C-alpha atoms as a PDB file:
ATOM      1  CA  MET A   1      88.041 -27.228  24.392  1.00  0.00           C
ATOM      2  CA  ASN A   2      89.483 -26.504  27.724  1.00  0.00           C
ATOM      3  CA  SER A   3      89.411 -29.524  30.572  1.00  0.00           C
ATOM      4  CA  PHE A   4      86.858 -26.856  32.411  1.00  0.00           C
ATOM      5  CA  ILE A   5      83.973 -27.365  29.778  1.00  0.00           C
ATOM      6  CA  LYS A   6      84.832 -31.091  29.369  1.00  0.00           C
ATOM      7  CA  ASN A   7      84.240 -31.774  33.052  1.00  0.00           C
ATOM      8  CA  THR A   8      81.358 -29.654  33.565  1.00  0.00           C
ATOM      9  CA  PRO A   9      78.578 -32.281  33.235  1.00  0.00           C
ATOM     10  CA  LEU A  10      80.649 -34.138  36.294  1.00  0.00           C
ATOM     11  CA  LEU A  11      80.878 -30.840  38.151  1.00  0.00           C
ATOM     12  CA  TYR A  12      77.136 -29.907  37.868  1.00  0.00           C
ATOM     13  CA  VAL A  13      76.273 -33.166  39.346  1.00  0.00           C
ATOM     14  CA  ILE A  14      78.974 -32.647  41.935  1.00  0.00           C
ATOM     15  CA  THR A  15      77.356 -29.166  42.840  1.00  0.00           C
ATOM     16  CA  ILE A  16      74.089 -30.478  43.380  1.00  0.00           C
ATOM     17  CA  GLY A  17      75.798 -33.122  45.930  1.00  0.00           C
ATOM     18  CA  ILE A  18      77.809 -30.824  47.901  1.00  0.00           C
ATOM     19  CA  SER A  19      75.009 -28.106  48.166  1.00  0.00           C
ATOM     20  CA  PHE A  20      72.286 -30.730  49.226  1.00  0.00           C
ATOM     21  CA  ALA A  21      74.682 -32.282  51.446  1.00  0.00           C
ATOM     22  CA  ILE A  22      75.033 -28.876  53.341  1.00  0.00           C
ATOM     23  CA  SER A  23      71.506 -28.214  53.198  1.00  0.00           C
ATOM     24  CA  LEU A  24      70.726 -31.275  54.753  1.00  0.00           C
ATOM     25  CA  ILE A  25      73.421 -30.924  57.435  1.00  0.00           C
ATOM     26  CA  PHE A  26      72.507 -27.183  58.392  1.00  0.00           C
ATOM     27  CA  THR A  27      69.239 -26.972  58.536  1.00  0.00           C
ATOM     28  CA  PRO A  28      68.038 -28.885  61.453  1.00  0.00           C
ATOM     29  CA  LEU A  29      71.017 -26.603  62.896  1.00  0.00           C
ATOM     30  CA  PHE A  30      68.940 -23.600  61.864  1.00  0.00           C
ATOM     31  CA  ARG A  31      66.099 -25.380  63.433  1.00  0.00           C
ATOM     32  CA  ALA A  32      67.426 -24.970  66.586  1.00  0.00           C
ATOM     33  CA  ILE A  33      68.531 -22.092  66.326  1.00  0.00           C
ATOM     34  CA  ALA A  34      65.007 -20.708  65.553  1.00  0.00           C
ATOM     35  CA  LEU A  35      63.804 -22.602  68.662  1.00  0.00           C
ATOM     36  CA  ARG A  36      66.033 -21.042  70.778  1.00  0.00           C
ATOM     37  CA  PHE A  37      65.479 -17.803  70.214  1.00  0.00           C
ATOM     38  CA  GLN A  38      61.732 -18.156  69.082  1.00  0.00           C
ATOM     39  CA  ILE A  39      61.988 -17.639  65.555  1.00  0.00           C
ATOM     40  CA  LEU A  40      58.297 -19.050  64.661  1.00  0.00           C
ATOM     41  CA  ASP A  41      55.806 -18.658  62.757  1.00  0.00           C
ATOM     42  CA  HIS A  42      52.460 -18.891  64.583  1.00  0.00           C
ATOM     43  CA  PRO A  43      49.329 -19.668  63.126  1.00  0.00           C
ATOM     44  CA  TYR A  44      47.880 -16.550  64.365  1.00  0.00           C
ATOM     45  CA  SER A  45      45.862 -15.151  61.119  1.00  0.00           C
ATOM     46  CA  ASP A  46      42.735 -16.867  59.482  1.00  0.00           C
ATOM     47  CA  ILE A  47      45.143 -17.438  56.458  1.00  0.00           C
ATOM     48  CA  LYS A  48      47.769 -19.549  57.917  1.00  0.00           C
ATOM     49  CA  THR A  49      47.289 -23.424  57.052  1.00  0.00           C
ATOM     50  CA  HIS A  50      49.328 -25.115  60.012  1.00  0.00           C
ATOM     51  CA  ARG A  51      48.306 -25.408  64.134  1.00  0.00           C
ATOM     52  CA  LEU A  52      51.295 -25.412  65.395  1.00  0.00           C
ATOM     53  CA  PRO A  53      54.056 -22.686  65.945  1.00  0.00           C
ATOM     54  CA  THR A  54      56.661 -23.667  63.700  1.00  0.00           C
ATOM     55  CA  PRO A  55      60.699 -22.533  63.382  1.00  0.00           C
ATOM     56  CA  TYR A  56      61.337 -20.383  60.520  1.00  0.00           C
ATOM     57  CA  LEU A  57      65.454 -20.397  59.014  1.00  0.00           C
ATOM     58  CA  GLY A  58      65.054 -23.448  56.401  1.00  0.00           C
ATOM     59  CA  GLY A  59      65.794 -20.923  53.925  1.00  0.00           C
ATOM     60  CA  ALA A  60      68.862 -19.755  55.436  1.00  0.00           C
ATOM     61  CA  ALA A  61      70.171 -23.564  55.097  1.00  0.00           C
ATOM     62  CA  ILE A  62      69.217 -23.586  51.397  1.00  0.00           C
ATOM     63  CA  TRP A  63      70.916 -20.344  50.870  1.00  0.00           C
ATOM     64  CA  LEU A  64      74.176 -21.536  52.897  1.00  0.00           C
ATOM     65  CA  GLY A  65      74.194 -24.753  50.779  1.00  0.00           C
ATOM     66  CA  TRP A  66      73.872 -22.982  47.929  1.00  0.00           C
ATOM     67  CA  ALA A  67      76.475 -20.355  48.123  1.00  0.00           C
ATOM     68  CA  ALA A  68      78.811 -22.841  49.781  1.00  0.00           C
ATOM     69  CA  SER A  69      79.078 -25.246  47.039  1.00  0.00           C
ATOM     70  CA  LEU A  70      79.766 -22.422  44.459  1.00  0.00           C
ATOM     71  CA  PHE A  71      82.835 -21.598  46.585  1.00  0.00           C
ATOM     72  CA  ILE A  72      84.050 -25.072  47.417  1.00  0.00           C
ATOM     73  CA  ILE A  73      83.538 -25.918  43.505  1.00  0.00           C
ATOM     74  CA  ARG A  74      85.573 -23.285  42.682  1.00  0.00           C
ATOM     75  CA  PHE A  75      88.185 -25.064  43.827  1.00  0.00           C
ATOM     76  CA  PHE A  76      87.762 -28.207  41.361  1.00  0.00           C
ATOM     77  CA  THR A  77      88.515 -26.499  38.320  1.00  0.00           C
ATOM     78  CA  HIS A  78      88.536 -22.932  37.451  1.00  0.00           C
ATOM     79  CA  PHE A  79      86.093 -20.152  36.638  1.00  0.00           C
ATOM     80  CA  PRO A  80      86.568 -17.936  33.665  1.00  0.00           C
ATOM     81  CA  SER A  81      86.721 -14.382  34.834  1.00  0.00           C
ATOM     82  CA  GLY A  82      82.696 -13.436  33.483  1.00  0.00           C
ATOM     83  CA  THR A  83      81.435 -16.587  35.485  1.00  0.00           C
ATOM     84  CA  LEU A  84      83.112 -15.934  38.650  1.00  0.00           C
ATOM     85  CA  ARG A  85      81.704 -11.944  38.133  1.00  0.00           C
ATOM     86  CA  SER A  86      78.472 -12.903  37.336  1.00  0.00           C
ATOM     87  CA  LEU A  87      78.106 -15.429  40.324  1.00  0.00           C
ATOM     88  CA  ARG A  88      79.297 -12.497  42.924  1.00  0.00           C
ATOM     89  CA  GLY A  89      76.269 -10.325  41.603  1.00  0.00           C
ATOM     90  CA  ILE A  90      74.174 -12.800  42.615  1.00  0.00           C
ATOM     91  CA  LEU A  91      75.678 -13.758  45.768  1.00  0.00           C
ATOM     92  CA  TRP A  92      75.361 -10.063  46.706  1.00  0.00           C
ATOM     93  CA  GLY A  93      72.118  -9.778  45.475  1.00  0.00           C
ATOM     94  CA  SER A  94      70.694 -12.766  46.836  1.00  0.00           C
ATOM     95  CA  ALA A  95      72.476 -11.691  50.375  1.00  0.00           C
ATOM     96  CA  ILE A  96      70.653  -8.645  50.317  1.00  0.00           C
ATOM     97  CA  ILE A  97      67.149 -10.679  49.395  1.00  0.00           C
ATOM     98  CA  LEU A  98      68.106 -13.150  52.221  1.00  0.00           C
ATOM     99  CA  ALA A  99      68.451 -10.369  54.971  1.00  0.00           C
ATOM    100  CA  LEU A 100      65.267  -8.901  53.825  1.00  0.00           C
ATOM    101  CA  GLY A 101      63.456 -12.284  54.230  1.00  0.00           C
ATOM    102  CA  LEU A 102      64.956 -12.730  57.774  1.00  0.00           C
ATOM    103  CA  VAL A 103      64.178  -9.389  59.193  1.00  0.00           C
ATOM    104  CA  ASP A 104      60.638  -9.861  57.931  1.00  0.00           C
ATOM    105  CA  ASP A 105      60.632 -13.428  59.798  1.00  0.00           C
ATOM    106  CA  ILE A 106      61.622 -12.271  63.037  1.00  0.00           C
ATOM    107  CA  LEU A 107      59.583  -9.294  63.050  1.00  0.00           C
ATOM    108  CA  PRO A 108      56.168  -9.810  64.944  1.00  0.00           C
ATOM    109  CA  LYS A 109      54.299  -8.175  62.127  1.00  0.00           C
ATOM    110  CA  GLY A 110      56.821  -8.626  59.280  1.00  0.00           C
ATOM    111  CA  LEU A 111      57.964  -5.632  56.793  1.00  0.00           C
ATOM    112  CA  GLY A 112      55.152  -3.781  55.154  1.00  0.00           C
ATOM    113  CA  PHE A 113      55.257  -4.800  51.626  1.00  0.00           C
ATOM    114  CA  LYS A 114      56.066  -1.208  50.418  1.00  0.00           C
ATOM    115  CA  LYS A 115      59.607  -1.629  51.894  1.00  0.00           C
ATOM    116  CA  LYS A 116      59.778  -4.908  51.033  1.00  0.00           C
ATOM    117  CA  PHE A 117      59.295  -3.943  47.324  1.00  0.00           C
ATOM    118  CA  ILE A 118      62.097  -1.309  47.605  1.00  0.00           C
ATOM    119  CA  ILE A 119      64.677  -3.484  49.022  1.00  0.00           C
ATOM    120  CA  GLN A 120      64.113  -6.002  46.310  1.00  0.00           C
ATOM    121  CA  ALA A 121      64.380  -3.421  43.705  1.00  0.00           C
ATOM    122  CA  ILE A 122      67.380  -2.429  45.185  1.00  0.00           C
ATOM    123  CA  ALA A 123      69.021  -6.032  45.001  1.00  0.00           C
ATOM    124  CA  ALA A 124      67.525  -6.439  41.267  1.00  0.00           C
ATOM    125  CA  ALA A 125      69.164  -3.002  40.312  1.00  0.00           C
ATOM    126  CA  SER A 126      72.999  -4.030  42.007  1.00  0.00           C
ATOM    127  CA  LEU A 127      72.493  -7.216  39.543  1.00  0.00           C
ATOM    128  CA  PHE A 128      73.357  -4.669  36.316  1.00  0.00           C
ATOM    129  CA  ALA A 129      76.730  -4.097  38.029  1.00  0.00           C
ATOM    130  CA  PHE A 130      77.712  -7.492  36.928  1.00  0.00           C
ATOM    131  CA  ASP A 131      75.616  -7.211  34.071  1.00  0.00           C
ATOM    132  CA  ILE A 132      72.792  -9.330  34.494  1.00  0.00           C
ATOM    133  CA  ARG A 133      69.848  -8.111  32.723  1.00  0.00           C
ATOM    134  CA  ILE A 134      67.499  -8.689  30.306  1.00  0.00           C
ATOM    135  CA  HIS A 135      69.608  -8.453  27.092  1.00  0.00           C
ATOM    136  CA  PHE A 136      66.870  -8.495  24.075  1.00  0.00           C
ATOM    137  CA  ILE A 137      64.980  -5.259  25.055  1.00  0.00           C
ATOM    138  CA  SER A 138      66.285  -1.637  24.467  1.00  0.00           C
ATOM    139  CA  PRO A 139      66.948   1.097  25.084  1.00  0.00           C
ATOM    140  CA  TYR A 140      69.112   0.430  27.998  1.00  0.00           C
ATOM    141  CA  PHE A 141      67.102   2.169  30.627  1.00  0.00           C
ATOM    142  CA  MET A 142      63.459   0.001  29.558  1.00  0.00           C
ATOM    143  CA  ALA A 143      65.639  -3.282  29.754  1.00  0.00           C
ATOM    144  CA  ILE A 144      66.607  -2.198  33.355  1.00  0.00           C
ATOM    145  CA  ALA A 145      62.936  -1.234  34.339  1.00  0.00           C
ATOM    146  CA  PHE A 146      61.730  -4.812  32.868  1.00  0.00           C
ATOM    147  CA  SER A 147      64.378  -6.503  34.696  1.00  0.00           C
ATOM    148  CA  ILE A 148      63.677  -5.118  38.051  1.00  0.00           C
ATOM    149  CA  ILE A 149      60.228  -6.289  37.372  1.00  0.00           C
ATOM    150  CA  TRP A 150      60.964  -9.501  36.322  1.00  0.00           C
ATOM    151  CA  VAL A 151      63.191  -9.896  39.438  1.00  0.00           C
ATOM    152  CA  VAL A 152      60.727  -8.662  41.795  1.00  0.00           C
ATOM    153  CA  GLY A 153      57.763 -10.321  40.351  1.00  0.00           C
ATOM    154  CA  ILE A 154      59.512 -13.921  40.558  1.00  0.00           C
ATOM    155  CA  THR A 155      60.996 -13.131  44.075  1.00  0.00           C
ATOM    156  CA  ASN A 156      57.403 -12.265  44.857  1.00  0.00           C
ATOM    157  CA  ALA A 157      56.013 -15.396  43.247  1.00  0.00           C
ATOM    158  CA  PHE A 158      57.690 -17.945  45.264  1.00  0.00           C
ATOM    159  CA  ASN A 159      56.909 -16.317  48.457  1.00  0.00           C
ATOM    160  CA  ILE A 160      53.099 -16.506  47.392  1.00  0.00           C
ATOM    161  CA  ILE A 161      53.467 -20.018  46.241  1.00  0.00           C
ATOM    162  CA  ASP A 162      54.827 -20.776  49.886  1.00  0.00           C
ATOM    163  CA  ILE A 163      51.238 -21.771  51.451  1.00  0.00           C
ATOM    164  CA  MET A 164      51.821 -25.699  51.266  1.00  0.00           C
ATOM    165  CA  ASP A 165      54.600 -27.950  52.697  1.00  0.00           C
ATOM    166  CA  GLY A 166      57.322 -28.904  50.322  1.00  0.00           C
ATOM    167  CA  LEU A 167      55.561 -27.005  47.542  1.00  0.00           C
ATOM    168  CA  SER A 168      57.540 -23.829  46.937  1.00  0.00           C
ATOM    169  CA  SER A 169      60.990 -25.888  47.583  1.00  0.00           C
ATOM    170  CA  GLY A 170      59.704 -28.809  45.414  1.00  0.00           C
ATOM    171  CA  ILE A 171      59.149 -26.324  42.707  1.00  0.00           C
ATOM    172  CA  ALA A 172      62.303 -24.801  42.984  1.00  0.00           C
ATOM    173  CA  VAL A 173      64.415 -28.335  42.688  1.00  0.00           C
ATOM    174  CA  ILE A 174      62.668 -28.804  39.256  1.00  0.00           C
ATOM    175  CA  ALA A 175      62.698 -25.148  37.904  1.00  0.00           C
ATOM    176  CA  SER A 176      66.487 -25.022  38.958  1.00  0.00           C
ATOM    177  CA  LEU A 177      66.939 -28.507  36.659  1.00  0.00           C
ATOM    178  CA  ALA A 178      65.147 -27.505  34.217  1.00  0.00           C
ATOM    179  CA  PHE A 179      67.377 -23.928  33.441  1.00  0.00           C
ATOM    180  CA  LEU A 180      70.225 -26.011  34.316  1.00  0.00           C
ATOM    181  CA  PHE A 181      69.408 -28.537  31.083  1.00  0.00           C
ATOM    182  CA  ILE A 182      68.382 -25.861  28.826  1.00  0.00           C
ATOM    183  CA  ALA A 183      71.554 -23.795  29.199  1.00  0.00           C
ATOM    184  CA  MET A 184      73.509 -26.045  28.711  1.00  0.00           C
ATOM    185  CA  PRO A 185      76.378 -25.913  27.062  1.00  0.00           C
ATOM    186  CA  SER A 186      76.152 -22.196  27.183  1.00  0.00           C
ATOM    187  CA  GLU A 187      78.970 -19.676  27.619  1.00  0.00           C
ATOM    188  CA  GLN A 188      76.783 -18.529  30.736  1.00  0.00           C
ATOM    189  CA  ILE A 189      78.589 -20.906  32.622  1.00  0.00           C
ATOM    190  CA  TYR A 190      77.380 -19.302  36.314  1.00  0.00           C
ATOM    191  CA  VAL A 191      73.588 -20.210  35.081  1.00  0.00           C
ATOM    192  CA  ASN A 192      74.186 -23.912  35.089  1.00  0.00           C
ATOM    193  CA  PHE A 193      76.302 -23.448  38.130  1.00  0.00           C
ATOM    194  CA  SER A 194      73.937 -21.462  40.100  1.00  0.00           C
ATOM    195  CA  ALA A 195      70.901 -23.376  38.826  1.00  0.00           C
ATOM    196  CA  ALA A 196      72.489 -26.735  40.031  1.00  0.00           C
ATOM    197  CA  ALA A 197      73.487 -25.624  43.487  1.00  0.00           C
ATOM    198  CA  LEU A 198      70.208 -24.193  43.934  1.00  0.00           C
ATOM    199  CA  ALA A 199      68.068 -27.220  43.347  1.00  0.00           C
ATOM    200  CA  GLY A 200      70.831 -29.257  45.904  1.00  0.00           C
ATOM    201  CA  GLY A 201      70.104 -26.804  48.374  1.00  0.00           C
ATOM    202  CA  ALA A 202      66.451 -27.060  47.791  1.00  0.00           C
ATOM    203  CA  LEU A 203      66.642 -30.770  47.660  1.00  0.00           C
ATOM    204  CA  GLY A 204      68.109 -31.116  50.840  1.00  0.00           C
ATOM    205  CA  PHE A 205      65.679 -28.548  52.889  1.00  0.00           C
ATOM    206  CA  LEU A 206      62.980 -30.657  51.769  1.00  0.00           C
ATOM    207  CA  PRO A 207      62.822 -33.831  54.253  1.00  0.00           C
ATOM    208  CA  TYR A 208      63.044 -31.494  56.983  1.00  0.00           C
ATOM    209  CA  ASN A 209      59.762 -29.250  55.417  1.00  0.00           C
ATOM    210  CA  LEU A 210      58.089 -32.460  55.089  1.00  0.00           C
ATOM    211  CA  SER A 211      58.739 -33.999  58.343  1.00  0.00           C
ATOM    212  CA  LYS A 212      56.299 -34.230  61.125  1.00  0.00           C
ATOM    213  CA  SER A 213      58.392 -34.232  63.983  1.00  0.00           C
ATOM    214  CA  LYS A 214      61.326 -31.809  62.601  1.00  0.00           C
ATOM    215  CA  LYS A 215      59.332 -29.884  60.695  1.00  0.00           C
ATOM    216  CA  ILE A 216      60.777 -26.597  60.074  1.00  0.00           C
ATOM    217  CA  PHE A 217      59.418 -23.552  57.059  1.00  0.00           C
ATOM    218  CA  MET A 218      61.871 -21.682  54.836  1.00  0.00           C
ATOM    219  CA  GLY A 219      59.996 -18.476  55.593  1.00  0.00           C
ATOM    220  CA  ASP A 220      60.290 -15.190  53.485  1.00  0.00           C
ATOM    221  CA  THR A 221      64.192 -16.150  53.983  1.00  0.00           C
ATOM    222  CA  GLY A 222      64.114 -19.088  51.659  1.00  0.00           C
ATOM    223  CA  SER A 223      61.199 -18.718  49.337  1.00  0.00           C
ATOM    224  CA  LEU A 224      62.177 -14.731  48.649  1.00  0.00           C
ATOM    225  CA  THR A 225      65.697 -15.721  48.193  1.00  0.00           C
ATOM    226  CA  ILE A 226      65.234 -18.681  46.115  1.00  0.00           C
ATOM    227  CA  GLY A 227      63.014 -16.653  43.909  1.00  0.00           C
ATOM    228  CA  PHE A 228      65.711 -14.146  43.376  1.00  0.00           C
ATOM    229  CA  ILE A 229      68.252 -16.556  42.787  1.00  0.00           C
ATOM    230  CA  LEU A 230      65.599 -18.208  40.063  1.00  0.00           C
ATOM    231  CA  ALA A 231      65.085 -14.774  38.739  1.00  0.00           C
ATOM    232  CA  SER A 232      68.837 -14.020  38.028  1.00  0.00           C
ATOM    233  CA  VAL A 233      69.529 -17.334  36.492  1.00  0.00           C
ATOM    234  CA  ALA A 234      66.363 -17.232  33.825  1.00  0.00           C
ATOM    235  CA  MET A 235      68.165 -13.774  32.247  1.00  0.00           C
ATOM    236  CA  GLY A 236      71.314 -15.199  32.195  1.00  0.00           C
ATOM    237  CA  THR A 237      71.098 -17.809  28.943  1.00  0.00           C
ATOM    238  CA  SER A 238      69.850 -17.839  25.270  1.00  0.00           C
ATOM    239  CA  TYR A 239      66.381 -19.223  24.504  1.00  0.00           C
ATOM    240  CA  THR A 240      65.829 -18.333  20.691  1.00  0.00           C
ATOM    241  CA  LYS A 241      68.532 -19.981  19.100  1.00  0.00           C
ATOM    242  CA  ALA A 242      65.401 -22.302  16.841  1.00  0.00           C
ATOM    243  CA  ASN A 243      62.679 -20.078  17.411  1.00  0.00           C
ATOM    244  CA  GLU A 244      61.702 -16.762  18.322  1.00  0.00           C
ATOM    245  CA  ILE A 245      58.890 -18.367  20.637  1.00  0.00           C
ATOM    246  CA  GLY A 246      61.764 -19.944  22.557  1.00  0.00           C
ATOM    247  CA  LEU A 247      62.057 -16.311  24.532  1.00  0.00           C
ATOM    248  CA  PHE A 248      59.107 -17.524  26.548  1.00  0.00           C
ATOM    249  CA  SER A 249      60.428 -20.428  28.206  1.00  0.00           C
ATOM    250  CA  PRO A 250      61.326 -19.103  31.359  1.00  0.00           C
ATOM    251  CA  LEU A 251      57.528 -17.942  31.716  1.00  0.00           C
ATOM    252  CA  LEU A 252      56.730 -22.097  31.149  1.00  0.00           C
ATOM    253  CA  ILE A 253      59.805 -23.215  34.008  1.00  0.00           C
ATOM    254  CA  LEU A 254      58.292 -20.334  36.126  1.00  0.00           C
ATOM    255  CA  ALA A 255      54.539 -21.312  35.611  1.00  0.00           C
ATOM    256  CA  VAL A 256      53.749 -22.600  38.874  1.00  0.00           C
ATOM    257  CA  PRO A 257      54.502 -19.725  40.815  1.00  0.00           C
ATOM    258  CA  LEU A 258      53.066 -17.326  38.017  1.00  0.00           C
ATOM    259  CA  TYR A 259      49.943 -18.979  37.853  1.00  0.00           C
ATOM    260  CA  ASP A 260      49.465 -19.067  41.624  1.00  0.00           C
ATOM    261  CA  THR A 261      50.392 -15.166  41.696  1.00  0.00           C
ATOM    262  CA  ALA A 262      47.774 -14.128  38.527  1.00  0.00           C
ATOM    263  CA  LEU A 263      45.287 -16.374  40.224  1.00  0.00           C
ATOM    264  CA  VAL A 264      45.564 -15.038  43.554  1.00  0.00           C
ATOM    265  CA  MET A 265      45.874 -11.573  42.302  1.00  0.00           C
ATOM    266  CA  PHE A 266      42.634 -11.516  40.271  1.00  0.00           C
ATOM    267  CA  MET A 267      40.715 -13.379  42.703  1.00  0.00           C
ATOM    268  CA  ARG A 268      41.196 -10.796  45.506  1.00  0.00           C
ATOM    269  CA  TRP A 269      40.786  -8.004  42.652  1.00  0.00           C
ATOM    270  CA  LYS A 270      37.604  -9.401  42.189  1.00  0.00           C
ATOM    271  CA  LYS A 271      36.279  -9.551  45.660  1.00  0.00           C
ATOM    272  CA  GLY A 272      37.287  -6.127  45.874  1.00  0.00           C
ATOM    273  CA  GLN A 273      40.273  -6.858  48.171  1.00  0.00           C
ATOM    274  CA  SER A 274      43.814  -5.439  48.092  1.00  0.00           C
ATOM    275  CA  PRO A 275      46.281  -8.071  45.858  1.00  0.00           C
ATOM    276  CA  PHE A 276      48.985  -7.343  48.657  1.00  0.00           C
ATOM    277  CA  LEU A 277      46.739  -8.921  51.729  1.00  0.00           C
ATOM    278  CA  GLY A 278      46.862 -12.431  52.379  1.00  0.00           C
ATOM    279  CA  SER A 279      44.330 -14.637  51.589  1.00  0.00           C
ATOM    280  CA  LYS A 280      43.295 -18.568  50.643  1.00  0.00           C
ATOM    281  CA  ASP A 281      42.670 -18.092  47.147  1.00  0.00           C
ATOM    282  CA  HIS A 282      45.698 -20.268  46.049  1.00  0.00           C
ATOM    283  CA  PHE A 283      45.166 -23.119  43.726  1.00  0.00           C
ATOM    284  CA  ALA A 284      46.917 -25.491  45.828  1.00  0.00           C
ATOM    285  CA  LEU A 285      44.567 -24.586  48.723  1.00  0.00           C
ATOM    286  CA  ARG A 286      41.649 -24.452  46.305  1.00  0.00           C
ATOM    287  CA  LEU A 287      42.437 -28.153  45.367  1.00  0.00           C
ATOM    288  CA  GLU A 288      42.472 -29.183  48.878  1.00  0.00           C
ATOM    289  CA  MET A 289      38.813 -27.549  48.948  1.00  0.00           C
ATOM    290  CA  MET A 290      37.860 -30.333  46.363  1.00  0.00           C
ATOM    291  CA  GLY A 291      38.666 -33.043  48.370  1.00  0.00           C
ATOM    292  CA  LEU A 292      42.415 -33.627  47.561  1.00  0.00           C
ATOM    293  CA  SER A 293      45.092 -34.671  50.009  1.00  0.00           C
ATOM    294  CA  ARG A 294      48.075 -32.502  50.232  1.00  0.00           C
ATOM    295  CA  LYS A 295      50.124 -35.593  49.160  1.00  0.00           C
ATOM    296  CA  ARG A 296      48.201 -35.483  45.984  1.00  0.00           C
ATOM    297  CA  ILE A 297      48.347 -32.250  45.673  1.00  0.00           C
ATOM    298  CA  LEU A 298      51.960 -32.071  45.822  1.00  0.00           C
ATOM    299  CA  VAL A 299      52.894 -34.956  43.292  1.00  0.00           C
ATOM    300  CA  ILE A 300      50.369 -33.732  41.211  1.00  0.00           C
ATOM    301  CA  THR A 301      51.852 -29.913  40.761  1.00  0.00           C
ATOM    302  CA  TYR A 302      55.442 -31.794  40.936  1.00  0.00           C
ATOM    303  CA  ILE A 303      54.033 -33.740  37.908  1.00  0.00           C
ATOM    304  CA  PHE A 304      52.763 -30.344  36.200  1.00  0.00           C
ATOM    305  CA  SER A 305      55.708 -28.650  36.759  1.00  0.00           C
ATOM    306  CA  ALA A 306      58.163 -30.832  35.552  1.00  0.00           C
ATOM    307  CA  ALA A 307      55.837 -31.683  32.535  1.00  0.00           C
ATOM    308  CA  ILE A 308      55.609 -27.890  31.445  1.00  0.00           C
ATOM    309  CA  SER A 309      59.540 -27.505  32.043  1.00  0.00           C
ATOM    310  CA  LEU A 310      60.121 -30.505  29.806  1.00  0.00           C
ATOM    311  CA  SER A 311      57.577 -28.272  27.307  1.00  0.00           C
ATOM    312  CA  ALA A 312      59.551 -25.251  27.865  1.00  0.00           C
ATOM    313  CA  PHE A 313      62.938 -27.411  26.933  1.00  0.00           C
ATOM    314  CA  PHE A 314      61.159 -28.320  23.673  1.00  0.00           C
ATOM    315  CA  VAL A 315      59.978 -25.152  22.751  1.00  0.00           C
ATOM    316  CA  THR A 316      63.698 -24.105  22.759  1.00  0.00           C
ATOM    317  CA  ARG A 317      64.367 -26.528  20.359  1.00  0.00           C
ATOM    318  CA  LEU A 318      61.470 -27.252  18.211  1.00  0.00           C
ATOM    319  CA  PRO A 319      60.643 -25.414  14.796  1.00  0.00           C
ATOM    320  CA  LEU A 320      58.529 -21.927  15.318  1.00  0.00           C
ATOM    321  CA  LEU A 321      55.194 -23.930  14.497  1.00  0.00           C
ATOM    322  CA  TRP A 322      55.333 -26.755  16.465  1.00  0.00           C
ATOM    323  CA  ALA A 323      57.038 -24.665  19.131  1.00  0.00           C
ATOM    324  CA  ALA A 324      53.312 -21.805  18.988  1.00  0.00           C
ATOM    325  CA  ALA A 325      51.142 -25.303  18.817  1.00  0.00           C
ATOM    326  CA  LEU A 326      52.413 -26.460  21.988  1.00  0.00           C
ATOM    327  CA  PHE A 327      52.919 -22.955  23.760  1.00  0.00           C
ATOM    328  CA  THR A 328      48.959 -22.462  22.459  1.00  0.00           C
ATOM    329  CA  GLY A 329      48.131 -25.822  24.149  1.00  0.00           C
ATOM    330  CA  ILE A 330      49.466 -24.822  27.407  1.00  0.00           C
ATOM    331  CA  ILE A 331      47.534 -21.793  27.547  1.00  0.00           C
ATOM    332  CA  ALA A 332      44.448 -23.551  26.505  1.00  0.00           C
ATOM    333  CA  ILE A 333      44.844 -26.219  29.860  1.00  0.00           C
ATOM    334  CA  ALA A 334      45.823 -23.623  31.841  1.00  0.00           C
ATOM    335  CA  ILE A 335      42.170 -21.299  30.977  1.00  0.00           C
ATOM    336  CA  ILE A 336      40.548 -24.741  31.558  1.00  0.00           C
ATOM    337  CA  ILE A 337      41.900 -25.642  34.757  1.00  0.00           C
ATOM    338  CA  SER A 338      41.205 -21.928  35.651  1.00  0.00           C
ATOM    339  CA  ARG A 339      37.551 -22.178  34.561  1.00  0.00           C
ATOM    340  CA  HIS A 340      37.431 -25.322  37.302  1.00  0.00           C
ATOM    341  CA  LEU A 341      39.291 -23.529  40.255  1.00  0.00           C
ATOM    342  CA  GLY A 342      37.259 -20.571  39.981  1.00  0.00           C
ATOM    343  CA  LYS A 343      34.137 -22.270  41.165  1.00  0.00           C
ATOM    344  CA  VAL A 344      35.582 -23.728  44.303  1.00  0.00           C
ATOM    345  CA  LYS A 345      33.959 -21.176  47.000  1.00  0.00           C
ATOM    346  CA  ILE A 346      36.660 -19.896  49.496  1.00  0.00           C
ATOM    347  CA  GLU A 347      35.710 -18.603  52.948  1.00  0.00           C
END
């Protein structure tokens, strides 16, 4: 076992720290740039939950922390050729998504969902050149199709859940750490480093997103990029060493954004509305309608996400029957919660 493998736990901590520091330092800088060039989120529509124009570009600081920390950590050790190649793949793909989100944030009316889906699919397809895809599906063209659906779906799920300060970025931190712990030890070291770097970057952005005086949003620049990176990371490790049900562990780790996406689309469909148009049908806003403060909603969501992510870890380690029982219990809880949330009237 070489020194690289022996030192990886410490290197992951260093990666998180570097990414956190860069994001923490550059977030106020990008906030100043957004204010200077009037890259603001104006609460024009009824679905907006904030009252004052708020600067975007926080997502650029998250991505910079993620990318720069991976570049810097390269000098602490030697990345195996496969790891370096995979990191380049996620880097180029995420850069496409970052540019897409930036354009969408800058344009007054944004880009249409069809154009966004096409560009996201192109970014997802670029991962195949670096062999980042779903590997358990065959034939190859089916693996490509499902990989694109997975990446585009998770990318947009984090965009959909970004409707409350601290929600999308906080879930990103928890999900990143979950993928890191489940993947260790792993031959796909790029999963561990990407997850660690993203956790640090999102964590560095959080204080400003939650600030009242120096508030900044991540915008589509951040939410889409975070979703893309996590979707890519999820396809890079094995979950079925203990049982086959472990294959569904990424669904548990990403349960909150996936659940909110499913809930919003179902509620919109039930009302006869387009699932691609905005509305206030999100679970977080429904909890707020029930009288919970936003601070309490964040705490509850964080705890819930961490608990499900811990369950995902156990699902990959437990015998088949225990893993199945745990998975079934989580589904039952989700159904009960949905029944209660569905009763909340949204105007």
